[in-house]
């Protein structure tokens, strides 16, 4: 029986989607972020990203946010973003 795990390309697309979701969080007001009930590590990483001025450092922080998001349920975050944006 073969393992039906996602291809490397599919995993990368998923990771990039999570990273993009993290970028949307960076653009939010801090008060909105705190209301979302984010994981503490994720909230800290997003708040730190807002302080970073260096493009390369910000890129690395966004990648780190994407990495953290792999370990949290992204659906409640997406739902909260939809409520805030509409």
N, C-alpha and C. Protein backbone atom coordinates (compact mmCIF):
# COMPACT_ATOMS: atom_id res chain seq x y z
N UNK A 1 0.84 -1.18 0.00
CA UNK A 1 0.00 0.00 0.00
C UNK A 1 0.89 1.24 0.00
N UNK A 2 0.60 2.18 -0.85
CA UNK A 2 1.42 3.37 -0.95
C UNK A 2 0.86 4.48 -0.05
N UNK A 3 1.78 5.27 0.48
CA UNK A 3 1.37 6.43 1.26
C UNK A 3 0.87 7.52 0.32
N UNK A 4 -0.25 8.10 0.65
CA UNK A 4 -0.81 9.16 -0.17
C UNK A 4 -0.55 10.51 0.49
N UNK A 5 0.72 10.80 0.74
CA UNK A 5 1.04 12.09 1.32
C UNK A 5 1.16 13.12 0.19
N UNK A 6 0.93 14.39 0.51
CA UNK A 6 0.96 15.41 -0.53
C UNK A 6 2.35 15.53 -1.16
N UNK A 7 2.35 15.93 -2.41
CA UNK A 7 3.60 16.11 -3.11
C UNK A 7 4.36 17.30 -2.52
N UNK A 8 5.62 17.41 -2.85
CA UNK A 8 6.42 18.52 -2.36
C UNK A 8 5.83 19.84 -2.84
N UNK A 9 5.35 19.88 -4.06
CA UNK A 9 4.73 21.10 -4.60
C UNK A 9 3.47 21.46 -3.84
N UNK A 10 2.66 20.47 -3.50
CA UNK A 10 1.43 20.72 -2.76
C UNK A 10 1.75 21.23 -1.35
N UNK A 11 2.76 20.65 -0.72
CA UNK A 11 3.15 21.11 0.61
C UNK A 11 3.65 22.55 0.55
N UNK A 12 4.41 22.87 -0.51
CA UNK A 12 4.93 24.23 -0.64
C UNK A 12 3.79 25.22 -0.87
N UNK A 13 2.80 24.86 -1.70
CA UNK A 13 1.65 25.73 -1.92
C UNK A 13 0.91 25.98 -0.61
N UNK A 14 0.74 24.94 0.18
CA UNK A 14 0.07 25.07 1.48
C UNK A 14 0.86 25.98 2.41
N UNK A 15 2.18 25.79 2.45
CA UNK A 15 3.03 26.62 3.30
C UNK A 15 2.95 28.08 2.87
N UNK A 16 2.99 28.34 1.57
CA UNK A 16 2.91 29.72 1.07
C UNK A 16 1.56 30.35 1.38
N UNK A 17 0.49 29.55 1.34
CA UNK A 17 -0.84 30.06 1.68
C UNK A 17 -0.89 30.45 3.16
N UNK A 18 -0.29 29.64 4.01
CA UNK A 18 -0.24 29.96 5.44
C UNK A 18 0.60 31.22 5.69
N UNK A 19 1.70 31.33 4.94
CA UNK A 19 2.56 32.51 5.08
C UNK A 19 1.80 33.76 4.64
N UNK A 20 1.03 33.66 3.57
CA UNK A 20 0.23 34.80 3.09
C UNK A 20 -0.82 35.18 4.14
N UNK A 21 -1.43 34.19 4.75
CA UNK A 21 -2.39 34.45 5.81
C UNK A 21 -1.71 35.19 6.96
N UNK A 22 -0.49 34.79 7.28
CA UNK A 22 0.29 35.47 8.31
C UNK A 22 0.58 36.91 7.94
N UNK A 23 0.84 37.17 6.65
CA UNK A 23 1.09 38.53 6.18
C UNK A 23 -0.16 39.39 6.36
N UNK A 24 -1.32 38.79 6.17
CA UNK A 24 -2.57 39.53 6.38
C UNK A 24 -2.71 39.91 7.86
N UNK A 25 -2.25 39.03 8.74
CA UNK A 25 -2.31 39.33 10.17
C UNK A 25 -1.41 40.51 10.52
N UNK A 26 -0.26 40.60 9.87
CA UNK A 26 0.68 41.69 10.14
C UNK A 26 0.04 43.05 9.86
N UNK A 27 -0.84 43.09 8.87
CA UNK A 27 -1.48 44.35 8.47
C UNK A 27 -2.59 44.80 9.42
N UNK A 28 -3.03 43.93 10.31
CA UNK A 28 -4.14 44.26 11.21
C UNK A 28 -3.68 45.14 12.38
N UNK A 29 -4.64 45.81 12.99
CA UNK A 29 -4.37 46.58 14.20
C UNK A 29 -4.09 45.60 15.35
N UNK A 30 -3.26 46.03 16.28
CA UNK A 30 -2.93 45.16 17.41
C UNK A 30 -4.17 44.78 18.21
N UNK A 31 -5.11 45.71 18.37
CA UNK A 31 -6.33 45.41 19.13
C UNK A 31 -7.13 44.29 18.45
N UNK A 32 -7.19 44.31 17.10
CA UNK A 32 -7.90 43.26 16.37
C UNK A 32 -7.19 41.92 16.53
N UNK A 33 -5.87 41.96 16.52
CA UNK A 33 -5.09 40.72 16.68
C UNK A 33 -5.37 40.09 18.04
N UNK A 34 -5.40 40.91 19.06
CA UNK A 34 -5.61 40.40 20.42
C UNK A 34 -7.02 39.83 20.58
N UNK A 35 -8.00 40.38 19.88
CA UNK A 35 -9.37 39.88 19.96
C UNK A 35 -9.52 38.52 19.29
N UNK A 36 -8.61 38.19 18.38
CA UNK A 36 -8.73 36.94 17.61
C UNK A 36 -8.37 35.71 18.44
N UNK A 37 -7.74 35.89 19.57
CA UNK A 37 -7.37 34.75 20.40
C UNK A 37 -6.30 33.87 19.76
N UNK A 38 -5.31 34.52 19.15
CA UNK A 38 -4.23 33.79 18.48
C UNK A 38 -3.35 33.07 19.49
N UNK A 39 -2.70 32.02 19.02
CA UNK A 39 -1.68 31.33 19.79
C UNK A 39 -0.64 32.37 20.23
N UNK A 40 -0.14 32.26 21.43
CA UNK A 40 0.78 33.26 21.98
C UNK A 40 2.04 33.42 21.13
N UNK A 41 2.62 32.31 20.66
CA UNK A 41 3.82 32.38 19.82
C UNK A 41 3.53 33.10 18.51
N UNK A 42 2.38 32.80 17.93
CA UNK A 42 1.99 33.44 16.67
C UNK A 42 1.77 34.94 16.87
N UNK A 43 1.07 35.30 17.93
CA UNK A 43 0.83 36.70 18.22
C UNK A 43 2.14 37.45 18.41
N UNK A 44 3.06 36.87 19.18
CA UNK A 44 4.36 37.50 19.40
C UNK A 44 5.12 37.69 18.09
N UNK A 45 5.11 36.67 17.23
CA UNK A 45 5.82 36.75 15.96
C UNK A 45 5.22 37.82 15.05
N UNK A 46 3.89 37.92 15.04
CA UNK A 46 3.22 38.93 14.21
C UNK A 46 3.54 40.33 14.74
N UNK A 47 3.49 40.51 16.05
CA UNK A 47 3.79 41.82 16.62
C UNK A 47 5.25 42.21 16.37
N UNK A 48 6.15 41.24 16.43
CA UNK A 48 7.55 41.52 16.13
C UNK A 48 7.73 41.92 14.67
N UNK A 49 7.03 41.26 13.78
CA UNK A 49 7.13 41.55 12.35
C UNK A 49 6.75 43.00 12.07
N UNK A 50 5.80 43.52 12.83
CA UNK A 50 5.34 44.90 12.63
C UNK A 50 6.44 45.91 12.96
N UNK A 51 7.43 45.50 13.76
CA UNK A 51 8.50 46.40 14.18
C UNK A 51 9.72 46.35 13.25
N UNK A 52 9.79 45.35 12.40
CA UNK A 52 10.98 45.11 11.58
C UNK A 52 10.98 46.05 10.37
N UNK A 53 12.11 46.69 10.14
CA UNK A 53 12.26 47.61 9.01
C UNK A 53 13.05 47.00 7.85
N UNK A 54 13.98 46.12 8.15
CA UNK A 54 14.82 45.49 7.12
C UNK A 54 13.99 44.53 6.27
N UNK A 55 14.08 44.67 4.96
CA UNK A 55 13.29 43.80 4.07
C UNK A 55 13.65 42.33 4.24
N UNK A 56 14.94 42.03 4.34
CA UNK A 56 15.35 40.63 4.49
C UNK A 56 14.92 40.06 5.82
N UNK A 57 15.04 40.85 6.87
CA UNK A 57 14.62 40.38 8.19
C UNK A 57 13.11 40.17 8.21
N UNK A 58 12.36 41.05 7.55
CA UNK A 58 10.91 40.90 7.50
C UNK A 58 10.52 39.65 6.71
N UNK A 59 11.23 39.39 5.64
CA UNK A 59 10.98 38.18 4.85
C UNK A 59 11.19 36.93 5.70
N UNK A 60 12.27 36.91 6.46
CA UNK A 60 12.54 35.76 7.34
C UNK A 60 11.48 35.63 8.43
N UNK A 61 11.02 36.78 8.96
CA UNK A 61 9.99 36.75 10.00
C UNK A 61 8.68 36.21 9.42
N UNK A 62 8.35 36.59 8.18
CA UNK A 62 7.14 36.09 7.53
C UNK A 62 7.24 34.58 7.34
N UNK A 63 8.42 34.09 6.99
CA UNK A 63 8.62 32.65 6.86
C UNK A 63 8.43 31.97 8.21
N UNK A 64 8.94 32.59 9.26
CA UNK A 64 8.79 32.04 10.61
C UNK A 64 7.32 32.00 11.01
N UNK A 65 6.57 33.04 10.68
CA UNK A 65 5.14 33.08 10.97
C UNK A 65 4.45 31.93 10.24
N UNK A 66 4.81 31.71 8.97
CA UNK A 66 4.25 30.59 8.22
C UNK A 66 4.56 29.25 8.88
N UNK A 67 5.76 29.13 9.41
CA UNK A 67 6.15 27.90 10.10
C UNK A 67 5.31 27.67 11.35
N UNK A 68 5.09 28.73 12.12
CA UNK A 68 4.26 28.62 13.32
C UNK A 68 2.84 28.23 12.92
N UNK A 69 2.35 28.79 11.84
CA UNK A 69 0.97 28.56 11.42
C UNK A 69 0.73 27.12 10.99
N UNK A 70 1.79 26.40 10.67
CA UNK A 70 1.62 24.98 10.33
C UNK A 70 1.14 24.18 11.53
N UNK A 71 1.37 24.71 12.74
CA UNK A 71 1.04 23.97 13.95
C UNK A 71 -0.22 24.48 14.65
N UNK A 72 -0.91 25.45 14.03
CA UNK A 72 -2.17 25.94 14.58
C UNK A 72 -3.27 25.73 13.54
N UNK A 73 -4.49 25.73 14.00
CA UNK A 73 -5.63 25.59 13.09
C UNK A 73 -5.87 26.93 12.40
N UNK A 74 -5.70 26.97 11.10
CA UNK A 74 -5.80 28.22 10.35
C UNK A 74 -7.24 28.63 10.07
N UNK A 75 -8.18 27.70 10.14
CA UNK A 75 -9.57 28.03 9.80
C UNK A 75 -10.19 29.09 10.71
N UNK A 76 -10.03 29.01 12.04
CA UNK A 76 -10.57 30.09 12.87
C UNK A 76 -9.94 31.45 12.56
N UNK A 77 -8.67 31.44 12.17
CA UNK A 77 -7.99 32.68 11.82
C UNK A 77 -8.58 33.25 10.53
N UNK A 78 -8.79 32.38 9.55
CA UNK A 78 -9.42 32.83 8.29
C UNK A 78 -10.81 33.38 8.54
N UNK A 79 -11.57 32.70 9.38
CA UNK A 79 -12.93 33.15 9.69
C UNK A 79 -12.91 34.51 10.39
N UNK A 80 -12.00 34.70 11.32
CA UNK A 80 -11.89 35.97 12.03
C UNK A 80 -11.49 37.09 11.07
N UNK A 81 -10.59 36.78 10.14
CA UNK A 81 -10.20 37.78 9.14
C UNK A 81 -11.38 38.17 8.26
N UNK A 82 -12.18 37.20 7.89
CA UNK A 82 -13.36 37.47 7.06
C UNK A 82 -14.33 38.39 7.82
N UNK A 83 -14.51 38.14 9.10
CA UNK A 83 -15.42 38.98 9.89
C UNK A 83 -14.89 40.40 9.99
N UNK A 84 -13.57 40.55 10.14
CA UNK A 84 -12.98 41.88 10.26
C UNK A 84 -13.02 42.66 8.95
N UNK A 85 -12.85 41.96 7.86
CA UNK A 85 -12.77 42.62 6.55
C UNK A 85 -14.13 42.91 5.96
N UNK A 86 -15.18 42.27 6.45
CA UNK A 86 -16.51 42.48 5.84
C UNK A 86 -17.50 42.98 6.82
